[in-house]
Amino acid sequence: MALGSSQVNPLFLVTGLIGLTFSVTYLYIGITLRRLLVESPKLIENILLASMTYQVITFLLSLLNGFQTGLVIQLAVALLILWYLFANVKRLSKEVKAKAQSD
């Protein structure tokens, strides 16, 4: 099978593009974090929730290829990291708002 004639599964292409979109979005959030914490922390929270959903969906899709213990561990670690980020965004936005009100 030649490289140019290989068939790409559209489902894998779509999930890859969504993953790339999350990567670019996280870069944007990282660059503008201070401003976003003050002006729109819900945006960050919603992106993190969407990322959690994406992780679960990609895990479920990977089950189509059979159960693999490594994928369960990967899902668990990803969800724990995202939960940690979500909790800290909520905490930091409250701290920033409290500091802004006291100034």
C-alpha atoms as a PDB file:
ATOM      1  CA  MET A   1       0.000   0.000   0.000  1.00  0.00           C
ATOM      2  CA  ALA A   2       1.512   3.280  -1.104  1.00  0.00           C
ATOM      3  CA  LEU A   3       1.638   6.199   1.292  1.00  0.00           C
ATOM      4  CA  GLY A   4      -0.483   8.425  -0.926  1.00  0.00           C
ATOM      5  CA  SER A   5      -3.214   5.850  -1.402  1.00  0.00           C
ATOM      6  CA  SER A   6      -3.765   4.917   2.251  1.00  0.00           C
ATOM      7  CA  GLN A   7      -7.272   5.342   3.578  1.00  0.00           C
ATOM      8  CA  VAL A   8      -7.710   7.615   6.587  1.00  0.00           C
ATOM      9  CA  ASN A   9     -10.550   6.798   8.933  1.00  0.00           C
ATOM     10  CA  PRO A  10     -12.680   9.974   9.125  1.00  0.00           C
ATOM     11  CA  LEU A  11     -13.440   9.321  12.795  1.00  0.00           C
ATOM     12  CA  PHE A  12      -9.738   9.331  13.675  1.00  0.00           C
ATOM     13  CA  LEU A  13      -9.233  12.445  11.582  1.00  0.00           C
ATOM     14  CA  VAL A  14     -12.047  14.296  13.374  1.00  0.00           C
ATOM     15  CA  THR A  15     -10.874  13.273  16.851  1.00  0.00           C
ATOM     16  CA  GLY A  16      -7.337  14.296  15.936  1.00  0.00           C
ATOM     17  CA  LEU A  17      -8.500  17.709  14.750  1.00  0.00           C
ATOM     18  CA  ILE A  18     -10.530  18.180  17.930  1.00  0.00           C
ATOM     19  CA  GLY A  19      -7.447  17.276  19.966  1.00  0.00           C
ATOM     20  CA  LEU A  20      -5.406  19.799  18.002  1.00  0.00           C
ATOM     21  CA  THR A  21      -8.067  22.426  18.662  1.00  0.00           C
ATOM     22  CA  PHE A  22      -7.845  21.737  22.400  1.00  0.00           C
ATOM     23  CA  SER A  23      -4.064  22.109  22.220  1.00  0.00           C
ATOM     24  CA  VAL A  24      -4.305  25.525  20.578  1.00  0.00           C
ATOM     25  CA  THR A  25      -7.034  26.540  23.033  1.00  0.00           C
ATOM     26  CA  TYR A  26      -4.862  25.547  26.009  1.00  0.00           C
ATOM     27  CA  LEU A  27      -2.016  27.621  24.572  1.00  0.00           C
ATOM     28  CA  TYR A  28      -4.353  30.624  24.337  1.00  0.00           C
ATOM     29  CA  ILE A  29      -5.569  30.071  27.897  1.00  0.00           C
ATOM     30  CA  GLY A  30      -1.995  29.816  29.144  1.00  0.00           C
ATOM     31  CA  ILE A  31      -1.024  33.079  27.478  1.00  0.00           C
ATOM     32  CA  THR A  32      -4.082  35.012  28.676  1.00  0.00           C
ATOM     33  CA  LEU A  33      -4.698  33.263  32.005  1.00  0.00           C
ATOM     34  CA  ARG A  34      -4.602  36.331  34.274  1.00  0.00           C
ATOM     35  CA  ARG A  35      -7.077  38.248  32.130  1.00  0.00           C
ATOM     36  CA  LEU A  36      -9.369  35.257  31.681  1.00  0.00           C
ATOM     37  CA  LEU A  37      -9.439  34.562  35.432  1.00  0.00           C
ATOM     38  CA  VAL A  38     -10.745  38.074  36.006  1.00  0.00           C
ATOM     39  CA  GLU A  39     -12.993  38.570  32.990  1.00  0.00           C
ATOM     40  CA  SER A  40     -14.308  35.113  32.097  1.00  0.00           C
ATOM     41  CA  PRO A  41     -13.308  32.213  34.324  1.00  0.00           C
ATOM     42  CA  LYS A  42     -16.409  30.322  33.114  1.00  0.00           C
ATOM     43  CA  LEU A  43     -14.798  30.112  29.671  1.00  0.00           C
ATOM     44  CA  ILE A  44     -11.828  28.242  31.137  1.00  0.00           C
ATOM     45  CA  GLU A  45     -14.130  26.017  33.190  1.00  0.00           C
ATOM     46  CA  ASN A  46     -16.260  25.176  30.156  1.00  0.00           C
ATOM     47  CA  ILE A  47     -13.197  24.314  28.074  1.00  0.00           C
ATOM     48  CA  LEU A  48     -11.933  22.021  30.823  1.00  0.00           C
ATOM     49  CA  LEU A  49     -15.343  20.328  31.045  1.00  0.00           C
ATOM     50  CA  ALA A  50     -15.398  19.909  27.269  1.00  0.00           C
ATOM     51  CA  SER A  51     -11.917  18.418  27.431  1.00  0.00           C
ATOM     52  CA  MET A  52     -13.073  15.928  30.064  1.00  0.00           C
ATOM     53  CA  THR A  53     -15.945  14.951  27.803  1.00  0.00           C
ATOM     54  CA  TYR A  54     -13.566  14.596  24.865  1.00  0.00           C
ATOM     55  CA  GLN A  55     -11.306  12.317  26.914  1.00  0.00           C
ATOM     56  CA  VAL A  56     -14.230  10.048  27.819  1.00  0.00           C
ATOM     57  CA  ILE A  57     -15.507   9.945  24.236  1.00  0.00           C
ATOM     58  CA  THR A  58     -12.083   9.093  22.811  1.00  0.00           C
ATOM     59  CA  PHE A  59     -11.731   6.375  25.444  1.00  0.00           C
ATOM     60  CA  LEU A  60     -15.097   4.909  24.479  1.00  0.00           C
ATOM     61  CA  LEU A  61     -14.115   5.021  20.806  1.00  0.00           C
ATOM     62  CA  SER A  62     -10.856   3.275  21.614  1.00  0.00           C
ATOM     63  CA  LEU A  63     -12.875   0.426  23.108  1.00  0.00           C
ATOM     64  CA  LEU A  64     -13.934  -0.371  19.546  1.00  0.00           C
ATOM     65  CA  ASN A  65     -10.412  -1.742  19.098  1.00  0.00           C
ATOM     66  CA  GLY A  66     -10.722  -3.861  22.239  1.00  0.00           C
ATOM     67  CA  PHE A  67     -10.138  -3.286  25.926  1.00  0.00           C
ATOM     68  CA  GLN A  68      -6.657  -2.153  26.937  1.00  0.00           C
ATOM     69  CA  THR A  69      -5.651  -1.522  30.538  1.00  0.00           C
ATOM     70  CA  GLY A  70      -3.269   1.241  29.491  1.00  0.00           C
ATOM     71  CA  LEU A  71      -6.129   3.256  28.045  1.00  0.00           C
ATOM     72  CA  VAL A  72      -8.038   3.059  31.324  1.00  0.00           C
ATOM     73  CA  ILE A  73      -4.988   4.360  33.162  1.00  0.00           C
ATOM     74  CA  GLN A  74      -4.545   7.099  30.569  1.00  0.00           C
ATOM     75  CA  LEU A  75      -8.192   8.149  30.982  1.00  0.00           C
ATOM     76  CA  ALA A  76      -7.918   8.163  34.772  1.00  0.00           C
ATOM     77  CA  VAL A  77      -4.752  10.281  34.747  1.00  0.00           C
ATOM     78  CA  ALA A  78      -6.190  12.719  32.183  1.00  0.00           C
ATOM     79  CA  LEU A  79      -9.417  13.144  34.161  1.00  0.00           C
ATOM     80  CA  LEU A  80      -7.522  13.647  37.420  1.00  0.00           C
ATOM     81  CA  ILE A  81      -5.354  16.354  35.845  1.00  0.00           C
ATOM     82  CA  LEU A  82      -8.361  18.073  34.292  1.00  0.00           C
ATOM     83  CA  TRP A  83     -10.280  17.915  37.581  1.00  0.00           C
ATOM     84  CA  TYR A  84      -7.265  19.437  39.369  1.00  0.00           C
ATOM     85  CA  LEU A  85      -7.102  22.256  36.815  1.00  0.00           C
ATOM     86  CA  PHE A  86     -10.863  22.816  37.054  1.00  0.00           C
ATOM     87  CA  ALA A  87     -10.778  23.052  40.866  1.00  0.00           C
ATOM     88  CA  ASN A  88      -7.829  25.435  40.794  1.00  0.00           C
ATOM     89  CA  VAL A  89      -9.370  27.682  38.153  1.00  0.00           C
ATOM     90  CA  LYS A  90     -12.441  28.034  40.376  1.00  0.00           C
ATOM     91  CA  ARG A  91     -10.256  28.786  43.405  1.00  0.00           C
ATOM     92  CA  LEU A  92      -8.002  31.245  41.579  1.00  0.00           C
ATOM     93  CA  SER A  93     -10.910  33.135  40.042  1.00  0.00           C
ATOM     94  CA  LYS A  94     -12.459  33.566  43.516  1.00  0.00           C
ATOM     95  CA  GLU A  95      -9.141  34.787  44.903  1.00  0.00           C
ATOM     96  CA  VAL A  96      -8.640  37.251  42.058  1.00  0.00           C
ATOM     97  CA  LYS A  97     -12.179  38.609  42.451  1.00  0.00           C
ATOM     98  CA  ALA A  98     -11.757  38.951  46.232  1.00  0.00           C
ATOM     99  CA  LYS A  99      -8.452  40.760  45.753  1.00  0.00           C
ATOM    100  CA  ALA A 100      -9.981  43.080  43.149  1.00  0.00           C
ATOM    101  CA  GLN A 101     -12.875  43.939  45.471  1.00  0.00           C
ATOM    102  CA  SER A 102     -10.542  44.695  48.397  1.00  0.00           C
ATOM    103  CA  ASP A 103      -8.364  47.041  46.306  1.00  0.00           C
END
